[in-house]
N, C-alpha and C. Protein backbone atom coordinates (compact mmCIF):
# COMPACT_ATOMS: atom_id res chain seq x y z
N MET A 1 123.56 135.62 147.95
CA MET A 1 123.88 136.94 147.61
C MET A 1 124.00 137.75 146.38
N PRO A 2 123.30 138.93 145.87
CA PRO A 2 123.86 139.39 144.77
C PRO A 2 125.15 140.08 144.83
N ALA A 3 125.84 139.55 143.80
CA ALA A 3 127.32 139.91 143.74
C ALA A 3 127.22 141.90 142.94
N GLU A 4 126.34 141.77 142.66
CA GLU A 4 126.49 143.58 142.25
C GLU A 4 124.60 144.42 142.12
N PRO A 5 124.70 145.62 142.46
CA PRO A 5 123.39 146.43 142.11
C PRO A 5 122.65 146.18 140.84
N VAL A 6 121.57 146.12 141.52
CA VAL A 6 120.39 146.00 139.84
C VAL A 6 119.94 146.85 140.16
N LEU A 7 118.72 147.23 139.30
CA LEU A 7 117.74 148.06 139.15
C LEU A 7 116.48 147.85 138.74
N LEU A 8 115.61 147.82 139.77
CA LEU A 8 114.07 146.96 139.57
C LEU A 8 113.53 148.01 138.78
N ASP A 9 112.77 147.26 137.71
CA ASP A 9 111.79 147.88 136.86
C ASP A 9 110.54 147.97 137.34
N THR A 10 109.45 149.01 136.79
CA THR A 10 108.28 149.62 137.58
C THR A 10 107.62 148.17 137.90
N ASP A 11 107.23 147.44 137.54
CA ASP A 11 106.60 145.74 137.29
C ASP A 11 107.21 145.26 138.82
N THR A 12 108.38 144.81 138.65
CA THR A 12 109.03 144.05 139.74
C THR A 12 108.57 144.96 141.22
N LEU A 13 108.62 146.52 141.36
CA LEU A 13 108.34 147.21 142.13
C LEU A 13 106.91 146.87 142.73
N SER A 14 106.47 146.74 141.88
CA SER A 14 104.69 146.17 141.66
C SER A 14 104.57 144.88 142.60
N GLU A 15 105.21 144.36 141.87
CA GLU A 15 105.20 142.46 143.07
C GLU A 15 105.16 142.75 144.15
N LEU A 16 106.66 143.48 144.42
CA LEU A 16 107.37 143.99 145.78
C LEU A 16 105.82 143.89 146.38
N SER A 17 105.20 145.18 146.40
CA SER A 17 104.19 145.28 146.69
C SER A 17 103.03 145.10 146.92
N ARG A 18 102.89 143.84 146.12
CA ARG A 18 101.97 142.93 146.45
C ARG A 18 102.17 141.84 146.90
N GLY A 19 103.18 141.71 147.44
CA GLY A 19 103.47 140.32 148.71
C GLY A 19 104.21 139.51 147.86
N ASN A 20 104.85 139.30 146.59
CA ASN A 20 105.10 138.51 145.58
C ASN A 20 106.13 137.54 146.72
N VAL A 21 105.96 136.27 146.89
CA VAL A 21 106.77 135.65 147.48
C VAL A 21 108.57 135.70 147.13
N HIS A 22 108.35 135.39 145.86
CA HIS A 22 109.48 135.10 145.36
C HIS A 22 110.90 136.67 144.96
N VAL A 23 109.51 137.81 144.95
CA VAL A 23 110.74 139.12 144.81
C VAL A 23 110.78 139.74 146.11
N ASN A 24 109.86 139.29 147.35
CA ASN A 24 110.20 140.09 148.72
C ASN A 24 111.66 138.84 149.36
N THR A 25 111.72 137.71 148.75
CA THR A 25 112.84 137.07 149.14
C THR A 25 113.86 137.60 148.73
N ARG A 26 113.88 137.41 147.43
CA ARG A 26 115.09 138.37 146.74
C ARG A 26 115.25 139.85 147.33
N ALA A 27 114.50 140.41 147.39
CA ALA A 27 114.52 142.53 147.57
C ALA A 27 115.16 141.86 149.20
N LYS A 28 114.86 140.80 150.08
CA LYS A 28 115.81 140.93 151.65
C LYS A 28 117.33 140.90 151.48
N THR A 29 116.92 139.45 150.68
CA THR A 29 118.32 139.47 150.29
C THR A 29 119.19 140.24 150.05
N TYR A 30 118.90 141.08 148.93
CA TYR A 30 119.28 142.51 148.13
C TYR A 30 119.57 143.27 149.07
N LEU A 31 118.75 143.84 150.03
CA LEU A 31 118.91 144.46 150.88
C LEU A 31 119.91 143.95 151.56
N GLY A 32 120.00 143.08 152.18
CA GLY A 32 121.12 142.39 152.89
C GLY A 32 122.37 142.51 152.60
N ALA A 33 122.91 142.54 151.09
CA ALA A 33 124.01 143.10 150.79
C ALA A 33 124.22 144.62 150.66
N PHE A 34 123.12 145.26 149.66
CA PHE A 34 123.64 146.95 149.51
C PHE A 34 122.61 147.46 150.18
N GLY A 35 121.94 147.33 151.26
CA GLY A 35 121.43 148.18 152.41
C GLY A 35 120.22 149.18 151.53
N ALA A 36 119.95 148.94 150.26
CA ALA A 36 118.44 150.06 149.68
C ALA A 36 118.60 149.49 148.46
N LEU A 37 117.38 149.27 147.96
CA LEU A 37 116.63 148.78 146.16
C LEU A 37 116.99 149.93 145.96
N THR A 38 117.47 149.75 144.22
CA THR A 38 117.61 150.75 143.04
C THR A 38 116.77 150.78 142.54
N ILE A 39 116.00 151.86 142.30
CA ILE A 39 115.15 152.23 141.33
C ILE A 39 115.39 153.16 140.22
N SER A 40 114.46 153.86 139.29
CA SER A 40 114.75 154.94 138.44
C SER A 40 113.70 155.94 138.82
N ALA A 41 113.95 157.02 138.22
CA ALA A 41 113.18 158.28 138.43
C ALA A 41 111.94 158.08 137.79
N ILE A 42 112.27 157.10 136.93
CA ILE A 42 111.28 156.93 135.58
C ILE A 42 110.11 155.85 136.24
N THR A 43 110.55 155.17 137.16
CA THR A 43 109.29 154.10 137.55
C THR A 43 108.78 155.20 139.07
N VAL A 44 109.47 156.09 139.63
CA VAL A 44 108.73 156.76 140.55
C VAL A 44 107.81 157.80 139.57
N PHE A 45 107.96 158.07 138.78
CA PHE A 45 107.01 158.83 137.68
C PHE A 45 105.79 158.05 137.63
N GLU A 46 106.28 157.03 137.27
CA GLU A 46 104.99 155.94 136.62
C GLU A 46 104.15 155.60 137.85
N ARG A 47 104.90 155.21 138.95
CA ARG A 47 103.75 154.61 140.03
C ARG A 47 103.34 155.98 140.48
N LEU A 48 103.98 156.90 140.78
CA LEU A 48 102.77 158.53 140.97
C LEU A 48 102.00 158.84 140.24
N ARG A 49 102.21 158.43 138.95
CA ARG A 49 101.38 158.62 138.39
C ARG A 49 99.48 158.05 137.93
N GLY A 50 100.61 156.55 138.48
CA GLY A 50 99.20 155.77 138.57
C GLY A 50 98.31 156.13 139.86
N TYR A 51 99.24 156.48 140.82
CA TYR A 51 98.12 156.67 141.83
C TYR A 51 97.53 157.58 141.87
N ARG A 52 98.08 158.74 141.58
CA ARG A 52 97.67 160.18 141.59
C ARG A 52 96.26 160.75 140.58
N LEU A 53 96.45 159.59 139.58
CA LEU A 53 95.06 159.55 138.23
C LEU A 53 94.37 158.66 139.12
N ALA A 54 94.59 157.64 139.81
CA ALA A 54 93.49 157.04 140.82
C ALA A 54 92.62 157.43 141.37
N LEU A 55 93.19 158.65 142.18
CA LEU A 55 93.03 159.08 143.49
C LEU A 55 91.97 160.70 142.90
N ARG A 56 92.63 160.84 141.71
CA ARG A 56 91.38 161.50 141.11
C ARG A 56 90.29 161.50 140.56
N GLN A 57 90.09 159.88 140.13
CA GLN A 57 89.05 159.75 139.62
C GLN A 57 88.43 159.13 140.92
N GLY A 58 88.53 159.67 142.11
CA GLY A 58 87.50 159.06 143.30
C GLY A 58 87.84 158.15 143.67
N LYS A 59 88.85 157.36 143.27
CA LYS A 59 89.57 155.71 143.71
C LYS A 59 90.32 156.24 145.27
N PRO A 60 90.26 155.02 145.89
CA PRO A 60 90.79 155.08 147.73
C PRO A 60 92.53 154.80 148.00
N PHE A 61 93.18 155.47 147.30
CA PHE A 61 94.60 155.15 147.03
C PHE A 61 95.19 155.61 148.03
N HIS A 62 94.92 156.49 148.76
CA HIS A 62 95.95 157.47 149.54
C HIS A 62 97.01 156.51 150.46
N ARG A 63 96.23 155.40 150.96
CA ARG A 63 97.31 154.53 152.02
C ARG A 63 98.32 154.03 150.64
N GLN A 64 97.96 153.13 149.66
CA GLN A 64 99.18 153.02 148.87
C GLN A 64 99.81 154.39 148.36
N LEU A 65 99.60 154.96 147.67
CA LEU A 65 100.71 156.42 148.06
C LEU A 65 101.43 156.41 149.19
N GLN A 66 100.94 156.95 150.45
CA GLN A 66 102.03 157.40 151.53
C GLN A 66 102.76 156.03 151.59
N ALA A 67 102.35 154.51 151.47
CA ALA A 67 103.28 153.56 151.50
C ALA A 67 104.31 153.70 150.21
N PHE A 68 104.07 154.15 149.28
CA PHE A 68 104.86 153.83 147.89
C PHE A 68 105.72 155.40 148.57
N GLU A 69 105.59 156.25 148.74
CA GLU A 69 106.56 157.74 148.84
C GLU A 69 107.43 156.88 150.48
N ALA A 70 106.81 156.42 151.35
CA ALA A 70 107.73 156.24 152.12
C ALA A 70 109.02 154.94 151.61
N LEU A 71 108.45 154.24 150.69
CA LEU A 71 109.24 152.95 149.95
C LEU A 71 110.46 154.20 149.02
N VAL A 72 110.18 154.73 148.29
CA VAL A 72 111.01 155.57 147.75
C VAL A 72 111.98 156.01 148.52
N GLY A 73 111.67 156.82 149.91
CA GLY A 73 112.98 157.43 150.90
C GLY A 73 113.61 156.35 151.16
N THR A 74 113.48 155.28 150.85
CA THR A 74 114.35 154.29 151.43
C THR A 74 115.94 153.97 150.25
N CYS A 75 115.08 154.50 149.13
CA CYS A 75 115.81 153.54 147.99
C CYS A 75 116.72 154.34 147.13
N VAL A 76 117.67 154.16 146.54
CA VAL A 76 118.80 154.58 145.85
C VAL A 76 117.45 155.23 144.61
N VAL A 77 117.48 156.09 144.08
CA VAL A 77 116.52 156.30 143.40
C VAL A 77 118.16 156.98 141.92
N LEU A 78 118.12 156.25 140.66
CA LEU A 78 118.52 156.78 140.32
C LEU A 78 118.12 157.38 138.74
N PRO A 79 118.43 159.19 138.62
CA PRO A 79 117.87 159.89 137.87
C PRO A 79 118.28 159.61 136.18
N PHE A 80 117.45 160.66 135.50
CA PHE A 80 117.47 160.33 134.03
C PHE A 80 117.86 161.52 133.60
N ASP A 81 119.69 161.13 133.29
CA ASP A 81 120.17 162.04 133.10
C ASP A 81 120.71 162.16 131.73
N ALA A 82 121.64 163.17 131.02
CA ALA A 82 122.09 163.28 129.38
C ALA A 82 122.47 161.64 129.02
N ASP A 83 123.33 161.41 130.00
CA ASP A 83 123.99 160.06 129.14
C ASP A 83 122.81 159.09 128.95
N ALA A 84 121.70 159.20 129.30
CA ALA A 84 120.65 158.07 129.40
C ALA A 84 119.62 158.76 128.51
N ALA A 85 119.60 159.74 128.58
CA ALA A 85 118.72 160.55 127.53
C ALA A 85 119.49 160.06 126.23
N ASP A 86 120.54 160.28 125.63
CA ASP A 86 121.40 159.81 124.34
C ASP A 86 121.20 158.16 124.49
N VAL A 87 121.44 157.59 125.58
CA VAL A 87 121.17 155.99 124.96
C VAL A 87 119.77 155.86 124.43
N ALA A 88 119.07 156.56 125.22
CA ALA A 88 117.20 156.52 125.04
C ALA A 88 116.97 156.88 123.76
N ALA A 89 117.43 158.29 123.22
CA ALA A 89 117.39 158.34 122.08
C ALA A 89 117.81 157.24 120.98
N SER A 90 118.87 156.71 121.04
CA SER A 90 119.09 155.36 120.26
C SER A 90 118.44 154.79 119.84
N ILE A 91 117.94 153.98 121.06
CA ILE A 91 116.57 152.82 121.72
C ILE A 91 115.30 153.65 120.74
N TRP A 92 114.85 154.43 121.07
CA TRP A 92 113.78 154.92 120.36
C TRP A 92 113.67 155.20 118.96
N SER A 93 115.00 155.65 118.63
CA SER A 93 114.54 155.71 116.34
C SER A 93 115.41 154.66 116.26
N ALA A 94 115.59 153.79 117.15
CA ALA A 94 115.41 152.09 116.22
C ALA A 94 114.75 151.25 116.60
N CYS A 95 113.68 151.75 117.06
CA CYS A 95 112.68 150.77 117.48
C CYS A 95 111.02 151.45 116.38
N THR A 96 110.56 150.66 116.32
CA THR A 96 109.39 150.55 115.28
C THR A 96 108.38 151.43 116.29
N ARG A 97 107.62 152.17 115.17
CA ARG A 97 106.32 152.85 115.81
C ARG A 97 105.46 152.76 117.16
N SER A 98 104.74 151.13 116.91
CA SER A 98 104.46 150.60 117.73
C SER A 98 105.24 150.29 119.48
N GLN A 99 106.71 150.19 119.27
CA GLN A 99 107.23 150.11 120.17
C GLN A 99 107.65 151.24 121.06
N ARG A 100 107.69 152.72 119.79
CA ARG A 100 107.91 153.68 120.21
C ARG A 100 107.12 154.30 121.88
N GLN A 101 105.79 153.91 121.57
CA GLN A 101 104.98 153.99 122.92
C GLN A 101 105.20 153.56 124.17
N ASN A 102 106.48 152.34 124.18
CA ASN A 102 106.50 151.92 125.38
C ASN A 102 107.77 153.19 125.95
N ILE A 103 107.49 154.18 125.95
CA ILE A 103 108.52 154.85 126.42
C ILE A 103 109.07 155.25 127.82
N GLY A 104 108.13 154.60 128.55
CA GLY A 104 109.00 153.97 129.73
C GLY A 104 110.10 153.14 130.08
N ASP A 105 109.42 152.30 129.63
CA ASP A 105 110.11 151.28 129.38
C ASP A 105 111.75 151.42 128.19
N ILE A 106 111.95 152.14 127.42
CA ILE A 106 112.67 153.18 127.37
C ILE A 106 113.44 153.38 127.89
N LEU A 107 113.52 154.26 128.52
CA LEU A 107 114.23 155.52 129.61
C LEU A 107 114.73 154.48 130.61
N ILE A 108 114.09 153.60 130.85
CA ILE A 108 114.20 153.22 131.94
C ILE A 108 115.33 151.59 131.35
N ALA A 109 115.44 151.24 130.33
CA ALA A 109 116.41 150.15 129.86
C ALA A 109 117.59 151.54 129.74
N ALA A 110 117.59 152.55 128.92
CA ALA A 110 118.54 153.35 128.80
C ALA A 110 119.20 153.70 130.25
N THR A 111 118.86 153.99 131.47
CA THR A 111 118.85 154.23 132.90
C THR A 111 119.88 152.51 133.01
N ALA A 112 119.27 151.40 133.03
CA ALA A 112 120.29 150.50 133.59
C ALA A 112 121.42 150.77 132.27
N VAL A 113 121.32 150.95 131.53
CA VAL A 113 122.42 150.64 130.12
C VAL A 113 123.63 151.42 130.98
N THR A 114 123.45 152.42 130.73
CA THR A 114 124.25 153.71 130.93
C THR A 114 124.67 153.32 132.22
N ARG A 115 124.15 152.72 133.41
CA ARG A 115 124.82 152.50 134.73
C ARG A 115 125.16 151.28 134.41
N GLN A 116 125.27 150.50 133.18
CA GLN A 116 125.74 149.08 133.53
C GLN A 116 125.07 148.00 134.37
N VAL A 117 124.02 147.99 134.78
CA VAL A 117 123.69 147.22 135.55
C VAL A 117 122.23 146.54 135.25
N PRO A 118 122.18 145.28 135.88
CA PRO A 118 121.18 144.28 135.23
C PRO A 118 119.83 145.10 135.59
N LEU A 119 118.96 144.61 135.08
CA LEU A 119 117.53 145.29 134.95
C LEU A 119 116.49 143.93 135.35
N ILE A 120 116.07 143.83 136.55
CA ILE A 120 114.89 143.31 137.39
C ILE A 120 113.82 143.86 136.46
N THR A 121 113.41 142.83 135.69
CA THR A 121 112.21 142.36 135.36
C THR A 121 111.37 141.87 134.52
N ARG A 122 109.97 141.67 134.68
CA ARG A 122 108.66 140.10 134.12
C ARG A 122 108.85 140.42 132.69
N ASN A 123 108.97 141.76 132.27
CA ASN A 123 108.73 141.81 131.04
C ASN A 123 110.16 141.66 129.88
N ARG A 124 110.69 140.95 130.13
CA ARG A 124 111.88 139.97 129.45
C ARG A 124 111.92 140.69 127.88
N ARG A 125 110.86 139.95 127.38
CA ARG A 125 110.43 139.83 126.36
C ARG A 125 110.47 141.68 125.45
N ASP A 126 110.08 142.41 126.49
CA ASP A 126 109.74 143.62 125.77
C ASP A 126 111.14 144.46 125.77
N PHE A 127 112.16 143.81 126.53
CA PHE A 127 113.15 144.62 127.01
C PHE A 127 114.10 144.32 126.08
N GLU A 128 113.74 142.84 125.70
CA GLU A 128 115.30 142.18 124.86
C GLU A 128 114.67 142.54 123.35
N VAL A 129 113.16 143.16 122.91
CA VAL A 129 113.42 143.81 121.46
C VAL A 129 113.55 145.54 121.46
N LEU A 130 113.53 146.04 122.60
CA LEU A 130 114.34 147.30 122.79
C LEU A 130 115.50 147.39 122.35
N ILE A 131 116.64 146.44 123.26
CA ILE A 131 117.72 146.48 123.31
C ILE A 131 118.63 145.96 121.94
N ARG A 132 117.65 145.03 121.58
CA ARG A 132 118.59 144.40 120.30
C ARG A 132 118.14 145.26 119.05
N SER A 133 117.24 145.62 118.83
CA SER A 133 116.66 146.47 118.24
C SER A 133 117.99 147.62 117.97
N ALA A 134 118.38 148.46 118.60
CA ALA A 134 119.24 149.67 119.21
C ALA A 134 121.08 149.41 118.93
N GLY A 135 120.80 147.53 119.25
CA GLY A 135 122.41 146.73 119.24
C GLY A 135 122.90 146.89 120.29
N LEU A 136 122.31 147.06 121.63
CA LEU A 136 122.78 147.34 122.96
C LEU A 136 123.04 146.18 123.96
N SER A 137 123.37 146.47 124.86
CA SER A 137 123.98 144.92 125.84
C SER A 137 122.73 145.74 126.86
N LEU A 138 122.10 144.43 127.20
CA LEU A 138 121.54 144.97 129.11
C LEU A 138 121.06 143.30 129.31
N ARG A 139 121.73 143.22 130.57
CA ARG A 139 121.46 141.72 131.31
C ARG A 139 119.95 142.39 131.85
N LEU A 140 119.12 140.80 131.64
CA LEU A 140 117.63 141.05 131.65
C LEU A 140 117.33 139.89 133.42
N MET A 141 117.11 140.30 134.47
CA MET A 141 116.63 139.31 135.43
C MET A 141 115.21 139.06 135.86
N ASP A 142 114.56 138.08 136.44
CA ASP A 142 113.26 137.94 136.82
C ASP A 142 113.19 137.45 138.06
N TRP A 143 112.97 138.25 139.24
CA TRP A 143 112.61 137.92 140.72
C TRP A 143 111.56 137.23 140.86
N SER A 144 110.16 137.29 139.84
CA SER A 144 109.05 137.15 140.30
C SER A 144 108.94 135.37 140.24
N LYS A 145 110.18 134.88 139.90
CA LYS A 145 109.58 133.23 139.91
C LYS A 145 110.67 132.77 140.68
N PRO A 146 110.60 131.66 140.80
CA PRO A 146 111.47 130.75 141.65
C PRO A 146 112.35 130.66 140.94
N SER A 147 114.00 130.47 142.09
CA SER A 147 114.89 130.69 141.21
C SER A 147 115.36 129.03 141.24
N ARG A 148 116.28 128.62 139.78
CA ARG A 148 115.83 127.44 139.63
C ARG A 148 117.66 126.51 140.21
N ALA A 149 117.79 125.63 140.34
CA ALA A 149 118.78 125.31 141.76
C ALA A 149 119.47 125.09 140.52
N PRO A 150 121.43 125.31 140.50
CA PRO A 150 122.45 125.08 139.50
C PRO A 150 121.99 123.82 139.27
N ARG A 151 122.49 123.19 137.86
CA ARG A 151 122.44 122.18 137.02
C ARG A 151 123.32 121.63 137.13
N LYS A 152 123.41 120.17 137.71
CA LYS A 152 124.98 119.20 137.93
C LYS A 152 125.54 119.18 136.63
N THR A 153 126.64 119.51 136.48
CA THR A 153 127.38 118.74 135.40
C THR A 153 128.34 117.75 135.42
N THR A 154 128.79 116.89 134.83
CA THR A 154 129.21 115.48 134.86
C THR A 154 130.28 115.43 134.54
């Protein structure tokens, strides 16, 4: 059972909606402990943006949009606030020009840093670079892979 709240990155939420067995198992365990998944307002924006663009282009994503909106209604959605904006500005200013294009990741990382919660993501390497360049601390976890059994020490 998870010992503390965590923040799900957009990619992890996508894996959940795709039925990734490992993500689903961990999400169920988390829900049993905390009662709701925790996501950021940035993740809500990123997913809604994608669905609405697809719909605008004539793609049949009405069902997925409705399912996502229903999911959001069951989640704790962390806002992007002034503290997160301050941390995001520090991360952004420490990034290279190409890294600055990943503004969603920067904003999500800042949200996790200010709330002092681990971030669940498949994009560990991208977040490590962002956080390291700004000299910040953020624990990263990946629910999309099988969990490893603890190693025995002798």
